[in-house]
PDB file of N, CA and C in Angstrom:
ATOM      1  N   MET A   1      34.605  73.390  85.503  1.00  0.00           N
ATOM      2  CA  MET A   1      34.316  74.684  86.075  1.00  0.00           C
ATOM      3  C   MET A   1      35.269  74.992  87.236  1.00  0.00           C
ATOM      4  N   VAL A   2      35.493  73.987  88.099  1.00  0.00           N
ATOM      5  CA  VAL A   2      36.376  74.172  89.248  1.00  0.00           C
ATOM      6  C   VAL A   2      37.802  74.461  88.774  1.00  0.00           C
ATOM      7  N   VAL A   3      38.226  73.782  87.718  1.00  0.00           N
ATOM      8  CA  VAL A   3      39.575  73.985  87.188  1.00  0.00           C
ATOM      9  C   VAL A   3      39.740  75.424  86.704  1.00  0.00           C
ATOM     10  N   LEU A   4      38.754  75.948  86.036  1.00  0.00           N
ATOM     11  CA  LEU A   4      38.807  77.324  85.550  1.00  0.00           C
ATOM     12  C   LEU A   4      38.937  78.308  86.708  1.00  0.00           C
ATOM     13  N   VAL A   5      38.198  78.079  87.767  1.00  0.00           N
ATOM     14  CA  VAL A   5      38.265  78.956  88.937  1.00  0.00           C
ATOM     15  C   VAL A   5      39.656  78.872  89.573  1.00  0.00           C
ATOM     16  N   LEU A   6      40.196  77.669  89.717  1.00  0.00           N
ATOM     17  CA  LEU A   6      41.515  77.490  90.315  1.00  0.00           C
ATOM     18  C   LEU A   6      42.611  78.132  89.463  1.00  0.00           C
ATOM     19  N   VAL A   7      42.526  77.967  88.161  1.00  0.00           N
ATOM     20  CA  VAL A   7      43.509  78.576  87.261  1.00  0.00           C
ATOM     21  C   VAL A   7      43.436  80.096  87.355  1.00  0.00           C
ATOM     22  N   THR A   8      42.244  80.633  87.409  1.00  0.00           N
ATOM     23  CA  THR A   8      42.065  82.080  87.527  1.00  0.00           C
ATOM     24  C   THR A   8      42.621  82.590  88.850  1.00  0.00           C
ATOM     25  N   GLN A   9      42.356  81.876  89.932  1.00  0.00           N
ATOM     26  CA  GLN A   9      42.868  82.284  91.240  1.00  0.00           C
ATOM     27  C   GLN A   9      44.392  82.229  91.272  1.00  0.00           C
ATOM     28  N   ARG A  10      44.957  81.201  90.678  1.00  0.00           N
ATOM     29  CA  ARG A  10      46.416  81.069  90.638  1.00  0.00           C
ATOM     30  C   ARG A  10      47.029  82.220  89.843  1.00  0.00           C
ATOM     31  N   HIS A  11      46.411  82.555  88.722  1.00  0.00           N
ATOM     32  CA  HIS A  11      46.891  83.666  87.896  1.00  0.00           C
ATOM     33  C   HIS A  11      46.813  84.983  88.669  1.00  0.00           C
ATOM     34  N   GLU A  12      45.716  85.194  89.373  1.00  0.00           N
ATOM     35  CA  GLU A  12      45.558  86.411  90.170  1.00  0.00           C
ATOM     36  C   GLU A  12      46.579  86.460  91.305  1.00  0.00           C
ATOM     37  N   ASP A  13      46.875  85.315  91.912  1.00  0.00           N
ATOM     38  CA  ASP A  13      47.891  85.256  92.964  1.00  0.00           C
ATOM     39  C   ASP A  13      49.266  85.640  92.416  1.00  0.00           C
ATOM     40  N   ARG A  14      49.587  85.126  91.240  1.00  0.00           N
ATOM     41  CA  ARG A  14      50.879  85.465  90.623  1.00  0.00           C
ATOM     42  C   ARG A  14      50.955  86.955  90.303  1.00  0.00           C
ATOM     43  N   LEU A  15      49.887  87.502  89.753  1.00  0.00           N
ATOM     44  CA  LEU A  15      49.875  88.942  89.464  1.00  0.00           C
ATOM     45  C   LEU A  15      50.026  89.754  90.745  1.00  0.00           C
ATOM     46  N   SER A  16      49.363  89.321  91.787  1.00  0.00           N
ATOM     47  CA  SER A  16      49.456  90.008  93.071  1.00  0.00           C
ATOM     48  C   SER A  16      50.880  89.950  93.619  1.00  0.00           C
ATOM     49  N   GLN A  17      51.532  88.805  93.519  1.00  0.00           N
ATOM     50  CA  GLN A  17      52.911  88.673  93.984  1.00  0.00           C
ATOM     51  C   GLN A  17      53.844  89.573  93.179  1.00  0.00           C
ATOM     52  N   HIS A  18      53.649  89.617  91.868  1.00  0.00           N
ATOM     53  CA  HIS A  18      54.481  90.489  91.030  1.00  0.00           C
ATOM     54  C   HIS A  18      54.257  91.953  91.385  1.00  0.00           C
ATOM     55  N   ARG A  19      53.019  92.324  91.637  1.00  0.00           N
ATOM     56  CA  ARG A  19      52.689  93.697  92.012  1.00  0.00           C
ATOM     57  C   ARG A  19      53.344  94.052  93.349  1.00  0.00           C
ATOM     58  N   GLU A  20      53.252  93.147  94.315  1.00  0.00           N
ATOM     59  CA  GLU A  20      53.873  93.378  95.620  1.00  0.00           C
ATOM     60  C   GLU A  20      55.379  93.521  95.488  1.00  0.00           C
ATOM     61  N   GLN A  21      56.000  92.691  94.658  1.00  0.00           N
ATOM     62  CA  GLN A  21      57.443  92.753  94.454  1.00  0.00           C
ATOM     63  C   GLN A  21      57.840  94.070  93.802  1.00  0.00           C
ATOM     64  N   LEU A  22      57.078  94.512  92.834  1.00  0.00           N
ATOM     65  CA  LEU A  22      57.356  95.778  92.170  1.00  0.00           C
ATOM     66  C   LEU A  22      57.244  96.944  93.149  1.00  0.00           C
ATOM     67  N   ILE A  23      56.217  96.924  93.970  1.00  0.00           N
ATOM     68  CA  ILE A  23      56.045  97.980  94.976  1.00  0.00           C
ATOM     69  C   ILE A  23      57.220  97.970  95.955  1.00  0.00           C
ATOM     70  N   LEU A  24      57.630  96.803  96.400  1.00  0.00           N
ATOM     71  CA  LEU A  24      58.761  96.697  97.308  1.00  0.00           C
ATOM     72  C   LEU A  24      60.033  97.238  96.656  1.00  0.00           C
ATOM     73  N   ASP A  25      60.278  96.853  95.414  1.00  0.00           N
ATOM     74  CA  ASP A  25      61.459  97.331  94.703  1.00  0.00           C
ATOM     75  C   ASP A  25      61.452  98.853  94.575  1.00  0.00           C
ATOM     76  N   LEU A  26      60.287  99.419  94.276  1.00  0.00           N
ATOM     77  CA  LEU A  26      60.179 100.872  94.147  1.00  0.00           C
ATOM     78  C   LEU A  26      60.402 101.576  95.493  1.00  0.00           C
ATOM     79  N   VAL A  27      59.883 101.002  96.556  1.00  0.00           N
ATOM     80  CA  VAL A  27      60.064 101.591  97.884  1.00  0.00           C
ATOM     81  C   VAL A  27      61.540 101.555  98.284  1.00  0.00           C
ATOM     82  N   VAL A  28      62.196 100.442  98.057  1.00  0.00           N
ATOM     83  CA  VAL A  28      63.614 100.326  98.400  1.00  0.00           C
ATOM     84  C   VAL A  28      64.441 101.305  97.579  1.00  0.00           C
ATOM     85  N   LEU A  29      64.153 101.394  96.303  1.00  0.00           N
ATOM     86  CA  LEU A  29      64.878 102.324  95.439  1.00  0.00           C
ATOM     87  C   LEU A  29      64.634 103.771  95.870  1.00  0.00           C
ATOM     88  N   SER A  30      63.415 104.104  96.211  1.00  0.00           N
ATOM     89  CA  SER A  30      63.097 105.460  96.692  1.00  0.00           C
ATOM     90  C   SER A  30      63.834 105.760  97.989  1.00  0.00           C
ATOM     91  N   GLU A  31      63.896 104.790  98.877  1.00  0.00           N
ATOM     92  CA  GLU A  31      64.599 104.979 100.142  1.00  0.00           C
ATOM     93  C   GLU A  31      66.079 105.223  99.894  1.00  0.00           C
ATOM     94  N   GLN A  32      66.666 104.498  98.964  1.00  0.00           N
ATOM     95  CA  GLN A  32      68.081 104.682  98.658  1.00  0.00           C
ATOM     96  C   GLN A  32      68.335 106.062  98.047  1.00  0.00           C
ATOM     97  N   LYS A  33      67.431 106.509  97.198  1.00  0.00           N
ATOM     98  CA  LYS A  33      67.575 107.839  96.611  1.00  0.00           C
ATOM     99  C   LYS A  33      67.451 108.922  97.675  1.00  0.00           C
ATOM    100  N   ALA A  34      66.528 108.762  98.598  1.00  0.00           N
ATOM    101  CA  ALA A  34      66.362 109.732  99.675  1.00  0.00           C
ATOM    102  C   ALA A  34      67.618 109.776 100.546  1.00  0.00           C
ATOM    103  N   ALA A  35      68.197 108.616 100.829  1.00  0.00           N
ATOM    104  CA  ALA A  35      69.425 108.565 101.622  1.00  0.00           C
ATOM    105  C   ALA A  35      70.561 109.288 100.893  1.00  0.00           C
ATOM    106  N   LYS A  36      70.625 109.114  99.589  1.00  0.00           N
ATOM    107  CA  LYS A  36      71.664 109.790  98.805  1.00  0.00           C
ATOM    108  C   LYS A  36      71.470 111.309  98.828  1.00  0.00           C
ATOM    109  N   VAL A  37      70.241 111.772  98.722  1.00  0.00           N
ATOM    110  CA  VAL A  37      69.960 113.213  98.777  1.00  0.00           C
ATOM    111  C   VAL A  37      70.379 113.771 100.138  1.00  0.00           C
ATOM    112  N   ILE A  38      70.088 113.038 101.206  1.00  0.00           N
ATOM    113  CA  ILE A  38      70.479 113.487 102.541  1.00  0.00           C
ATOM    114  C   ILE A  38      71.999 113.538 102.655  1.00  0.00           C
ATOM    115  N   GLN A  39      72.685 112.530 102.096  1.00  0.00           N
ATOM    116  CA  GLN A  39      74.144 112.540 102.101  1.00  0.00           C
ATOM    117  C   GLN A  39      74.687 113.776 101.379  1.00  0.00           C
ATOM    118  N   LEU A  40      74.118 114.080 100.219  1.00  0.00           N
ATOM    119  CA  LEU A  40      74.574 115.231  99.445  1.00  0.00           C
ATOM    120  C   LEU A  40      74.300 116.547 100.170  1.00  0.00           C
ATOM    121  N   LEU A  41      73.138 116.662 100.801  1.00  0.00           N
ATOM    122  CA  LEU A  41      72.829 117.874 101.558  1.00  0.00           C
ATOM    123  C   LEU A  41      73.782 118.052 102.743  1.00  0.00           C
ATOM    124  N   GLU A  42      74.078 116.970 103.427  1.00  0.00           N
ATOM    125  CA  GLU A  42      75.018 117.044 104.546  1.00  0.00           C
ATOM    126  C   GLU A  42      76.414 117.425 104.058  1.00  0.00           C
ATOM    127  N   GLU A  43      76.818 116.873 102.937  1.00  0.00           N
ATOM    128  CA  GLU A  43      78.120 117.221 102.365  1.00  0.00           C
ATOM    129  C   GLU A  43      78.156 118.701 101.980  1.00  0.00           C
ATOM    130  N   PHE A  44      77.090 119.181 101.383  1.00  0.00           N
ATOM    131  CA  PHE A  44      76.995 120.597 101.017  1.00  0.00           C
ATOM    132  C   PHE A  44      77.063 121.479 102.268  1.00  0.00           C
ATOM    133  N   ARG A  45      76.359 121.086 103.312  1.00  0.00           N
ATOM    134  CA  ARG A  45      76.361 121.844 104.563  1.00  0.00           C
ATOM    135  C   ARG A  45      77.756 121.886 105.170  1.00  0.00           C
ATOM    136  N   ARG A  46      78.464 120.764 105.168  1.00  0.00           N
ATOM    137  CA  ARG A  46      79.820 120.724 105.721  1.00  0.00           C
ATOM    138  C   ARG A  46      80.794 121.569 104.894  1.00  0.00           C
ATOM    139  N   ASP A  47      80.631 121.587 103.569  1.00  0.00           N
ATOM    140  CA  ASP A  47      81.556 122.285 102.681  1.00  0.00           C
ATOM    141  C   ASP A  47      81.280 123.779 102.563  1.00  0.00           C
ATOM    142  N   ASN A  48      80.118 124.222 102.974  1.00  0.00           N
ATOM    143  CA  ASN A  48      79.758 125.635 102.846  1.00  0.00           C
ATOM    144  C   ASN A  48      80.356 126.416 104.020  1.00  0.00           C
ATOM    145  N   PRO A  49      81.259 127.372 103.728  1.00  0.00           N
ATOM    146  CA  PRO A  49      81.903 128.118 104.826  1.00  0.00           C
ATOM    147  C   PRO A  49      80.947 129.068 105.548  1.00  0.00           C
ATOM    148  N   LEU A  50      79.803 129.366 104.980  1.00  0.00           N
ATOM    149  CA  LEU A  50      78.855 130.282 105.608  1.00  0.00           C
ATOM    150  C   LEU A  50      77.969 129.603 106.654  1.00  0.00           C
ATOM    151  N   ILE A  51      77.991 128.288 106.663  1.00  0.00           N
ATOM    152  CA  ILE A  51      77.147 127.532 107.591  1.00  0.00           C
ATOM    153  C   ILE A  51      78.028 126.959 108.695  1.00  0.00           C
ATOM    154  N   HIS A  52      77.630 127.226 109.941  1.00  0.00           N
ATOM    155  CA  HIS A  52      78.383 126.717 111.084  1.00  0.00           C
ATOM    156  C   HIS A  52      78.389 125.187 111.043  1.00  0.00           C
ATOM    157  N   ASN A  53      79.555 124.602 111.174  1.00  0.00           N
ATOM    158  CA  ASN A  53      79.702 123.154 111.109  1.00  0.00           C
ATOM    159  C   ASN A  53      79.258 122.526 112.430  1.00  0.00           C
ATOM    160  N   ARG A  54      78.363 121.593 112.355  1.00  0.00           N
ATOM    161  CA  ARG A  54      77.887 120.878 113.536  1.00  0.00           C
ATOM    162  C   ARG A  54      77.575 119.445 113.123  1.00  0.00           C
ATOM    163  N   VAL A  55      77.508 118.571 114.086  1.00  0.00           N
ATOM    164  CA  VAL A  55      77.204 117.169 113.823  1.00  0.00           C
ATOM    165  C   VAL A  55      75.709 116.969 113.997  1.00  0.00           C
ATOM    166  N   ASP A  56      75.072 116.452 112.966  1.00  0.00           N
ATOM    167  CA  ASP A  56      73.643 116.145 113.019  1.00  0.00           C
ATOM    168  C   ASP A  56      73.506 114.627 112.944  1.00  0.00           C
ATOM    169  N   GLN A  57      73.416 114.001 114.096  1.00  0.00           N
ATOM    170  CA  GLN A  57      73.377 112.541 114.154  1.00  0.00           C
ATOM    171  C   GLN A  57      72.147 111.976 113.452  1.00  0.00           C
ATOM    172  N   GLU A  58      71.023 112.658 113.573  1.00  0.00           N
ATOM    173  CA  GLU A  58      69.803 112.179 112.900  1.00  0.00           C
ATOM    174  C   GLU A  58      69.984 112.171 111.386  1.00  0.00           C
ATOM    175  N   ALA A  59      70.594 113.236 110.844  1.00  0.00           N
ATOM    176  CA  ALA A  59      70.849 113.286 109.400  1.00  0.00           C
ATOM    177  C   ALA A  59      71.845 112.203 109.001  1.00  0.00           C
ATOM    178  N   ASN A  60      72.853 111.976 109.835  1.00  0.00           N
ATOM    179  CA  ASN A  60      73.815 110.908 109.545  1.00  0.00           C
ATOM    180  C   ASN A  60      73.138 109.542 109.519  1.00  0.00           C
ATOM    181  N   ASP A  61      72.242 109.318 110.471  1.00  0.00           N
ATOM    182  CA  ASP A  61      71.514 108.043 110.505  1.00  0.00           C
ATOM    183  C   ASP A  61      70.611 107.885 109.287  1.00  0.00           C
ATOM    184  N   MET A  62      69.937 108.962 108.915  1.00  0.00           N
ATOM    185  CA  MET A  62      69.022 108.902 107.769  1.00  0.00           C
ATOM    186  C   MET A  62      69.768 108.790 106.448  1.00  0.00           C
ATOM    187  N   ALA A  63      71.026 109.199 106.421  1.00  0.00           N
ATOM    188  CA  ALA A  63      71.816 109.144 105.196  1.00  0.00           C
ATOM    189  C   ALA A  63      72.276 107.722 104.873  1.00  0.00           C
ATOM    190  N   GLN A  64      72.124 106.813 105.823  1.00  0.00           N
ATOM    191  CA  GLN A  64      72.525 105.424 105.599  1.00  0.00           C
ATOM    192  C   GLN A  64      71.360 104.642 105.003  1.00  0.00           C
ATOM    193  N   PRO A  65      71.536 104.091 103.793  1.00  0.00           N
ATOM    194  CA  PRO A  65      70.443 103.310 103.199  1.00  0.00           C
ATOM    195  C   PRO A  65      70.174 102.038 104.005  1.00  0.00           C
ATOM    196  N   ALA A  66      68.942 101.581 103.934  1.00  0.00           N
ATOM    197  CA  ALA A  66      68.549 100.366 104.648  1.00  0.00           C
ATOM    198  C   ALA A  66      69.280  99.158 104.063  1.00  0.00           C
ATOM    199  N   ASN A  67      69.503  98.178 104.889  1.00  0.00           N
ATOM    200  CA  ASN A  67      70.114  96.934 104.449  1.00  0.00           C
ATOM    201  C   ASN A  67      69.023  96.103 103.763  1.00  0.00           C
ATOM    202  N   THR A  68      69.059  96.072 102.448  1.00  0.00           N
ATOM    203  CA  THR A  68      67.987  95.409 101.689  1.00  0.00           C
ATOM    204  C   THR A  68      67.952  93.903 101.928  1.00  0.00           C
ATOM    205  N   LEU A  69      69.084  93.323 102.242  1.00  0.00           N
ATOM    206  CA  LEU A  69      69.110  91.886 102.511  1.00  0.00           C
ATOM    207  C   LEU A  69      68.321  91.559 103.773  1.00  0.00           C
ATOM    208  N   SER A  70      68.509  92.344 104.832  1.00  0.00           N
ATOM    209  CA  SER A  70      67.769  92.073 106.065  1.00  0.00           C
ATOM    210  C   SER A  70      66.278  92.376 105.888  1.00  0.00           C
ATOM    211  N   VAL A  71      65.962  93.400 105.092  1.00  0.00           N
ATOM    212  CA  VAL A  71      64.551  93.712 104.827  1.00  0.00           C
ATOM    213  C   VAL A  71      63.891  92.570 104.069  1.00  0.00           C
ATOM    214  N   SER A  72      64.561  92.069 103.015  1.00  0.00           N
ATOM    215  CA  SER A  72      63.967  90.974 102.237  1.00  0.00           C
ATOM    216  C   SER A  72      63.856  89.704 103.070  1.00  0.00           C
ATOM    217  N   ASP A  73      64.836  89.452 103.959  1.00  0.00           N
ATOM    218  CA  ASP A  73      64.749  88.284 104.844  1.00  0.00           C
ATOM    219  C   ASP A  73      63.562  88.401 105.793  1.00  0.00           C
ATOM    220  N   ALA A  74      63.341  89.597 106.326  1.00  0.00           N
ATOM    221  CA  ALA A  74      62.208  89.801 107.241  1.00  0.00           C
ATOM    222  C   ALA A  74      60.884  89.613 106.508  1.00  0.00           C
ATOM    223  N   ILE A  75      60.790  90.128 105.297  1.00  0.00           N
ATOM    224  CA  ILE A  75      59.569  89.968 104.502  1.00  0.00           C
ATOM    225  C   ILE A  75      59.341  88.494 104.174  1.00  0.00           C
ATOM    226  N   ARG A  76      60.406  87.808 103.799  1.00  0.00           N
ATOM    227  CA  ARG A  76      60.301  86.380 103.476  1.00  0.00           C
ATOM    228  C   ARG A  76      59.802  85.605 104.693  1.00  0.00           C
ATOM    229  N   GLU A  77      60.321  85.922 105.878  1.00  0.00           N
ATOM    230  CA  GLU A  77      59.906  85.240 107.108  1.00  0.00           C
ATOM    231  C   GLU A  77      58.432  85.477 107.404  1.00  0.00           C
ATOM    232  N   VAL A  78      57.972  86.701 107.204  1.00  0.00           N
ATOM    233  CA  VAL A  78      56.554  87.007 107.424  1.00  0.00           C
ATOM    234  C   VAL A  78      55.687  86.204 106.465  1.00  0.00           C
ATOM    235  N   HIS A  79      56.114  86.120 105.179  1.00  0.00           N
ATOM    236  CA  HIS A  79      55.354  85.342 104.201  1.00  0.00           C
ATOM    237  C   HIS A  79      55.336  83.858 104.554  1.00  0.00           C
ATOM    238  N   VAL A  80      56.467  83.341 105.011  1.00  0.00           N
ATOM    239  CA  VAL A  80      56.531  81.925 105.394  1.00  0.00           C
ATOM    240  C   VAL A  80      55.587  81.657 106.555  1.00  0.00           C
ATOM    241  N   GLN A  81      55.599  82.537 107.564  1.00  0.00           N
ATOM    242  CA  GLN A  81      54.706  82.358 108.706  1.00  0.00           C
ATOM    243  C   GLN A  81      53.243  82.456 108.286  1.00  0.00           C
ATOM    244  N   ALA A  82      52.935  83.389 107.397  1.00  0.00           N
ATOM    245  CA  ALA A  82      51.552  83.533 106.933  1.00  0.00           C
ATOM    246  C   ALA A  82      51.122  82.297 106.140  1.00  0.00           C
ATOM    247  N   ASP A  83      52.018  81.791 105.288  1.00  0.00           N
ATOM    248  CA  ASP A  83      51.693  80.595 104.500  1.00  0.00           C
ATOM    249  C   ASP A  83      51.491  79.384 105.392  1.00  0.00           C
ATOM    250  N   GLN A  84      52.321  79.246 106.432  1.00  0.00           N
ATOM    251  CA  GLN A  84      52.179  78.120 107.353  1.00  0.00           C
ATOM    252  C   GLN A  84      50.884  78.233 108.143  1.00  0.00           C
ATOM    253  N   THR A  85      50.529  79.443 108.529  1.00  0.00           N
ATOM    254  CA  THR A  85      49.292  79.660 109.275  1.00  0.00           C
ATOM    255  C   THR A  85      48.080  79.308 108.422  1.00  0.00           C
ATOM    256  N   MET A  86      48.148  79.656 107.141  1.00  0.00           N
ATOM    257  CA  MET A  86      47.023  79.406 106.249  1.00  0.00           C
ATOM    258  C   MET A  86      47.051  77.992 105.673  1.00  0.00           C
ATOM    259  N   GLY A  87      48.164  77.257 105.907  1.00  0.00           N
ATOM    260  CA  GLY A  87      48.238  75.882 105.438  1.00  0.00           C
ATOM    261  C   GLY A  87      48.522  75.757 103.953  1.00  0.00           C
ATOM    262  N   ARG A  88      49.053  76.816 103.360  1.00  0.00           N
ATOM    263  CA  ARG A  88      49.367  76.768 101.933  1.00  0.00           C
ATOM    264  C   ARG A  88      50.796  76.311 101.738  1.00  0.00           C
ATOM    265  N   CYS A  89      51.135  75.962 100.515  1.00  0.00           N
ATOM    266  CA  CYS A  89      52.505  75.620 100.168  1.00  0.00           C
ATOM    267  C   CYS A  89      53.348  76.884 100.215  1.00  0.00           C
ATOM    268  N   VAL A  90      54.569  76.762 100.711  1.00  0.00           N
ATOM    269  CA  VAL A  90      55.455  77.904 100.849  1.00  0.00           C
ATOM    270  C   VAL A  90      56.316  78.027  99.608  1.00  0.00           C
ATOM    271  N   ASN A  91      56.328  79.218  99.024  1.00  0.00           N
ATOM    272  CA  ASN A  91      57.194  79.510  97.886  1.00  0.00           C
ATOM    273  C   ASN A  91      58.530  79.970  98.437  1.00  0.00           C
ATOM    274  N   SER A  92      59.597  79.236  98.179  1.00  0.00           N
ATOM    275  CA  SER A  92      60.889  79.539  98.778  1.00  0.00           C
ATOM    276  C   SER A  92      61.583  80.725  98.145  1.00  0.00           C
ATOM    277  N   ASP A  93      61.121  81.205  96.986  1.00  0.00           N
ATOM    278  CA  ASP A  93      61.783  82.322  96.319  1.00  0.00           C
ATOM    279  C   ASP A  93      60.867  83.530  96.292  1.00  0.00           C
ATOM    280  N   LEU A  94      60.602  84.096  97.478  1.00  0.00           N
ATOM    281  CA  LEU A  94      59.707  85.249  97.564  1.00  0.00           C
ATOM    282  C   LEU A  94      60.376  86.526  97.108  1.00  0.00           C
ATOM    283  N   SER A  95      61.699  86.522  97.027  1.00  0.00           N
ATOM    284  CA  SER A  95      62.382  87.756  96.664  1.00  0.00           C
ATOM    285  C   SER A  95      62.216  88.084  95.196  1.00  0.00           C
ATOM    286  N   GLY A  96      61.859  87.117  94.372  1.00  0.00           N
ATOM    287  CA  GLY A  96      61.633  87.388  92.960  1.00  0.00           C
ATOM    288  C   GLY A  96      62.920  87.656  92.224  1.00  0.00           C
ATOM    289  N   PRO A  97      62.835  87.750  90.912  1.00  0.00           N
ATOM    290  CA  PRO A  97      64.044  87.914  90.117  1.00  0.00           C
ATOM    291  C   PRO A  97      64.637  89.302  90.186  1.00  0.00           C
ATOM    292  N   SER A  98      63.889  90.293  90.654  1.00  0.00           N
ATOM    293  CA  SER A  98      64.392  91.652  90.556  1.00  0.00           C
ATOM    294  C   SER A  98      64.960  92.194  91.857  1.00  0.00           C
ATOM    295  N   MET A  99      64.754  91.519  92.978  1.00  0.00           N
ATOM    296  CA  MET A  99      65.194  92.067  94.257  1.00  0.00           C
ATOM    297  C   MET A  99      66.707  92.210  94.280  1.00  0.00           C
ATOM    298  N   GLY A 100      67.172  93.433  94.436  1.00  0.00           N
ATOM    299  CA  GLY A 100      68.589  93.678  94.545  1.00  0.00           C
ATOM    300  C   GLY A 100      69.320  93.703  93.235  1.00  0.00           C
ATOM    301  N   ARG A 101      68.631  93.723  92.143  1.00  0.00           N
ATOM    302  CA  ARG A 101      69.300  93.687  90.856  1.00  0.00           C
ATOM    303  C   ARG A 101      69.025  94.919  90.014  1.00  0.00           C
ATOM    304  N   HIS A 102      68.651  96.004  90.641  1.00  0.00           N
ATOM    305  CA  HIS A 102      68.434  97.253  89.920  1.00  0.00           C
ATOM    306  C   HIS A 102      69.775  97.859  89.542  1.00  0.00           C
ATOM    307  N   ARG A 103      69.766  98.701  88.523  1.00  0.00           N
ATOM    308  CA  ARG A 103      70.967  99.451  88.197  1.00  0.00           C
ATOM    309  C   ARG A 103      71.313 100.314  89.399  1.00  0.00           C
ATOM    310  N   GLY A 104      72.573 100.238  89.816  1.00  0.00           N
ATOM    311  CA  GLY A 104      73.018 101.041  90.928  1.00  0.00           C
ATOM    312  C   GLY A 104      72.560 100.537  92.282  1.00  0.00           C
ATOM    313  N   PHE A 105      71.973  99.380  92.338  1.00  0.00           N
ATOM    314  CA  PHE A 105      71.427  98.818  93.569  1.00  0.00           C
ATOM    315  C   PHE A 105      72.550  98.062  94.253  1.00  0.00           C
ATOM    316  N   ASN A 106      73.037  98.560  95.357  1.00  0.00           N
ATOM    317  CA  ASN A 106      74.144  97.939  96.047  1.00  0.00           C
ATOM    318  C   ASN A 106      73.744  97.672  97.486  1.00  0.00           C
ATOM    319  N   ASN A 107      73.720  96.411  97.866  1.00  0.00           N
ATOM    320  CA  ASN A 107      73.298  96.046  99.214  1.00  0.00           C
ATOM    321  C   ASN A 107      74.342  96.389 100.268  1.00  0.00           C
ATOM    322  N   ASN A 108      75.553  96.716  99.850  1.00  0.00           N
ATOM    323  CA  ASN A 108      76.616  96.976 100.799  1.00  0.00           C
ATOM    324  C   ASN A 108      76.794  98.453 101.110  1.00  0.00           C
ATOM    325  N   GLU A 109      75.997  99.323 100.550  1.00  0.00           N
ATOM    326  CA  GLU A 109      76.140 100.770 100.794  1.00  0.00           C
ATOM    327  C   GLU A 109      75.693 101.095 102.188  1.00  0.00           C
TER     328      GLU A 109
END
């Protein structure tokens, strides 16, 4: 009976980790798309002769996609600290197989 409960909990933990990874991947991808839209809008604004040209530093900052490597490192560190606090074994590959491997996903942008 105990084995069945442990196997079920382990399976649920794996599903939860996969779900969290998928959500993270979707958030990062959405952020990159939003940054691209801001870049395109700023380019359109600069190229349109009817619009007075000005520097919008906030738009320039928002047009830069987040550094996914530093985000994944920060998330990994939080998970390691949480696992150590709870006394569980630490999974060294929290980034999963899909982090940073989407089509068009470039960590250097």
